[in-house]
């Protein structure tokens, strides 16, 4: 069971899973509850996403992107989903998308068109550097791989 809610401090996403048992009755995974509290300063963007497979099956979700590159996906069967979508749309001044009639795609519902929202931190320097003069690849050859012993 999932739950999402907007508070004064940010967004709280709660995920609870039931215990799983093998066919022999042995518990293979215990029940767990994970609560993620996302402050407003860490939320980069919120999107309303609709996926559809040939008009037979619709998947509606709310995706909360955070500034460090992670995201939280909350599906429409979560508690508080509709209230959270309405509140994000109210905060950004956008109309509330209807899950039944919205065409498949991604709609950004926060920040609004006039709000810059929270700017992401600058990108870290790339860990992949271009080969220097002594490290050039020869064309037609695969790069050498380290051998593990």
Protein backbone atom coordinates (compact mmCIF):
# COMPACT_ATOMS: atom_id res chain seq x y z
CA UNK A 1 0.00 0.00 0.00
CA UNK A 2 1.36 3.39 -0.96
CA UNK A 3 0.44 6.81 0.37
CA UNK A 4 1.42 10.30 -0.79
CA UNK A 5 0.65 13.63 0.86
CA UNK A 6 1.73 17.25 0.71
CA UNK A 7 2.74 18.93 3.96
CA UNK A 8 4.07 22.40 4.80
CA UNK A 9 7.62 21.00 4.69
CA UNK A 10 7.28 19.12 1.38
CA UNK A 11 5.97 15.77 0.17
CA UNK A 12 5.80 12.51 2.13
CA UNK A 13 5.77 9.21 0.20
CA UNK A 14 5.05 6.07 2.22
CA UNK A 15 5.50 2.57 0.81
CA UNK A 16 4.36 -0.48 2.76
CA UNK A 17 4.83 -4.05 1.63
CA UNK A 18 3.38 -7.21 3.10
CA UNK A 19 5.42 -10.19 4.14
CA UNK A 20 6.05 -12.79 1.44
CA UNK A 21 6.02 -16.53 1.99
CA UNK A 22 7.29 -19.45 -0.05
CA UNK A 23 5.03 -22.28 -1.19
CA UNK A 24 6.23 -24.18 1.88
CA UNK A 25 5.05 -21.48 4.28
CA UNK A 26 8.51 -20.11 5.07
CA UNK A 27 8.73 -16.34 5.25
CA UNK A 28 11.02 -15.14 2.45
CA UNK A 29 10.67 -11.39 3.02
CA UNK A 30 9.39 -9.58 6.09
CA UNK A 31 6.80 -6.83 5.94
CA UNK A 32 8.31 -3.37 5.66
CA UNK A 33 7.33 0.28 5.64
CA UNK A 34 9.51 2.96 4.09
CA UNK A 35 8.74 6.65 4.56
CA UNK A 36 10.45 9.25 2.36
CA UNK A 37 10.09 12.87 3.40
CA UNK A 38 11.04 15.20 0.54
CA UNK A 39 11.58 18.86 1.49
CA UNK A 40 10.44 21.49 -1.03
CA UNK A 41 14.07 22.50 -1.63
CA UNK A 42 14.86 19.00 -2.93
CA UNK A 43 11.91 18.65 -5.33
CA UNK A 44 12.90 19.59 -8.87
CA UNK A 45 9.79 18.72 -10.86
CA UNK A 46 6.51 16.82 -10.57
CA UNK A 47 4.93 15.21 -13.63
CA UNK A 48 1.60 13.50 -14.27
CA UNK A 49 2.19 10.55 -16.58
CA UNK A 50 -0.29 8.47 -18.55
CA UNK A 51 0.73 5.33 -20.43
CA UNK A 52 -1.63 3.32 -22.56
CA UNK A 53 -1.35 0.03 -24.38
CA UNK A 54 -3.56 -0.07 -27.48
CA UNK A 55 -6.47 1.55 -25.72
CA UNK A 56 -7.05 -1.39 -23.40
CA UNK A 57 -4.89 -0.63 -20.41
CA UNK A 58 -4.02 2.73 -18.80
CA UNK A 59 -1.27 3.34 -16.30
CA UNK A 60 -1.50 6.68 -14.48
CA UNK A 61 1.24 7.86 -12.14
CA UNK A 62 2.74 10.89 -10.45
CA UNK A 63 6.53 11.17 -10.74
CA UNK A 64 8.41 13.37 -8.27
CA UNK A 65 11.92 14.20 -9.51
CA UNK A 66 14.41 15.31 -6.89
CA UNK A 67 17.51 17.43 -7.40
CA UNK A 68 20.01 14.63 -6.78
CA UNK A 69 18.72 12.63 -9.78
CA UNK A 70 16.39 10.14 -8.09
CA UNK A 71 12.64 9.98 -8.62
CA UNK A 72 9.62 8.67 -6.76
CA UNK A 73 6.80 7.16 -8.79
CA UNK A 74 3.37 7.01 -7.16
CA UNK A 75 0.55 5.16 -8.94
CA UNK A 76 -3.06 6.23 -9.07
CA UNK A 77 -4.18 3.54 -6.63
CA UNK A 78 -2.14 5.10 -3.79
CA UNK A 79 -3.95 6.78 -0.93
CA UNK A 80 -3.99 10.55 -1.37
CA UNK A 81 -3.10 10.44 -5.10
CA UNK A 82 -6.00 12.60 -6.35
CA UNK A 83 -5.63 15.12 -3.50
CA UNK A 84 -1.90 15.44 -4.14
CA UNK A 85 -2.40 16.03 -7.89
CA UNK A 86 -5.03 18.69 -7.15
CA UNK A 87 -2.77 20.41 -4.62
CA UNK A 88 0.24 20.49 -6.99
CA UNK A 89 -1.98 21.94 -9.73
CA UNK A 90 -3.36 24.53 -7.32
CA UNK A 91 0.16 25.54 -6.28
CA UNK A 92 1.31 25.92 -9.89
CA UNK A 93 -1.91 27.47 -11.23
CA UNK A 94 -2.46 24.73 -13.82
CA UNK A 95 -5.72 22.87 -14.52
CA UNK A 96 -6.06 19.44 -12.92
CA UNK A 97 -5.55 16.70 -15.52
CA UNK A 98 -8.30 14.07 -15.75
CA UNK A 99 -6.82 10.55 -15.60
CA UNK A 100 -9.62 9.14 -17.77
CA UNK A 101 -9.37 11.65 -20.65
CA UNK A 102 -5.74 12.80 -20.60
CA UNK A 103 -3.97 11.42 -23.69
CA UNK A 104 -0.89 9.27 -23.11
CA UNK A 105 2.15 11.37 -22.33
CA UNK A 106 3.82 13.44 -19.65
CA UNK A 107 2.35 16.65 -18.20
CA UNK A 108 4.48 18.77 -15.87
CA UNK A 109 2.23 19.96 -13.06
CA UNK A 110 4.84 21.57 -10.81
CA UNK A 111 6.53 24.03 -11.02
CA UNK A 112 4.10 26.11 -13.02
CA UNK A 113 4.91 27.91 -16.28
CA UNK A 114 5.81 31.17 -14.49
CA UNK A 115 7.64 29.59 -11.56
CA UNK A 116 11.26 28.53 -11.91
CA UNK A 117 10.84 26.19 -8.96
CA UNK A 118 13.98 25.00 -7.28
CA UNK A 119 16.99 25.17 -9.55
CA UNK A 120 19.00 21.97 -9.62
CA UNK A 121 22.56 22.02 -8.32
CA UNK A 122 25.31 22.36 -10.90
CA UNK A 123 26.23 19.13 -12.62
CA UNK A 124 29.30 17.41 -11.19
CA UNK A 125 32.37 17.18 -13.41
CA UNK A 126 32.22 14.22 -15.72
CA UNK A 127 33.95 11.09 -14.51
CA UNK A 128 34.43 10.02 -18.11
CA UNK A 129 37.32 11.87 -19.64
CA UNK A 130 38.30 11.88 -23.24
CA UNK A 131 41.43 9.90 -23.97
CA UNK A 132 44.59 11.97 -23.71
CA UNK A 133 47.55 11.81 -26.10
CA UNK A 134 48.95 8.64 -24.54
CA UNK A 135 45.57 6.90 -24.22
CA UNK A 136 44.15 7.05 -27.73
CA UNK A 137 42.26 4.10 -29.09
CA UNK A 138 43.47 2.60 -32.30
CA UNK A 139 40.73 2.29 -34.86
CA UNK A 140 39.42 -1.18 -35.47
CA UNK A 141 40.64 -2.54 -32.13
CA UNK A 142 38.67 -3.04 -29.00
CA UNK A 143 40.02 -1.32 -25.90
CA UNK A 144 42.03 -3.57 -23.66
CA UNK A 145 40.24 -4.95 -20.63
CA UNK A 146 41.79 -5.51 -17.23
CA UNK A 147 42.39 -9.17 -16.46
CA UNK A 148 41.11 -10.43 -13.17
CA UNK A 149 43.08 -13.11 -11.44
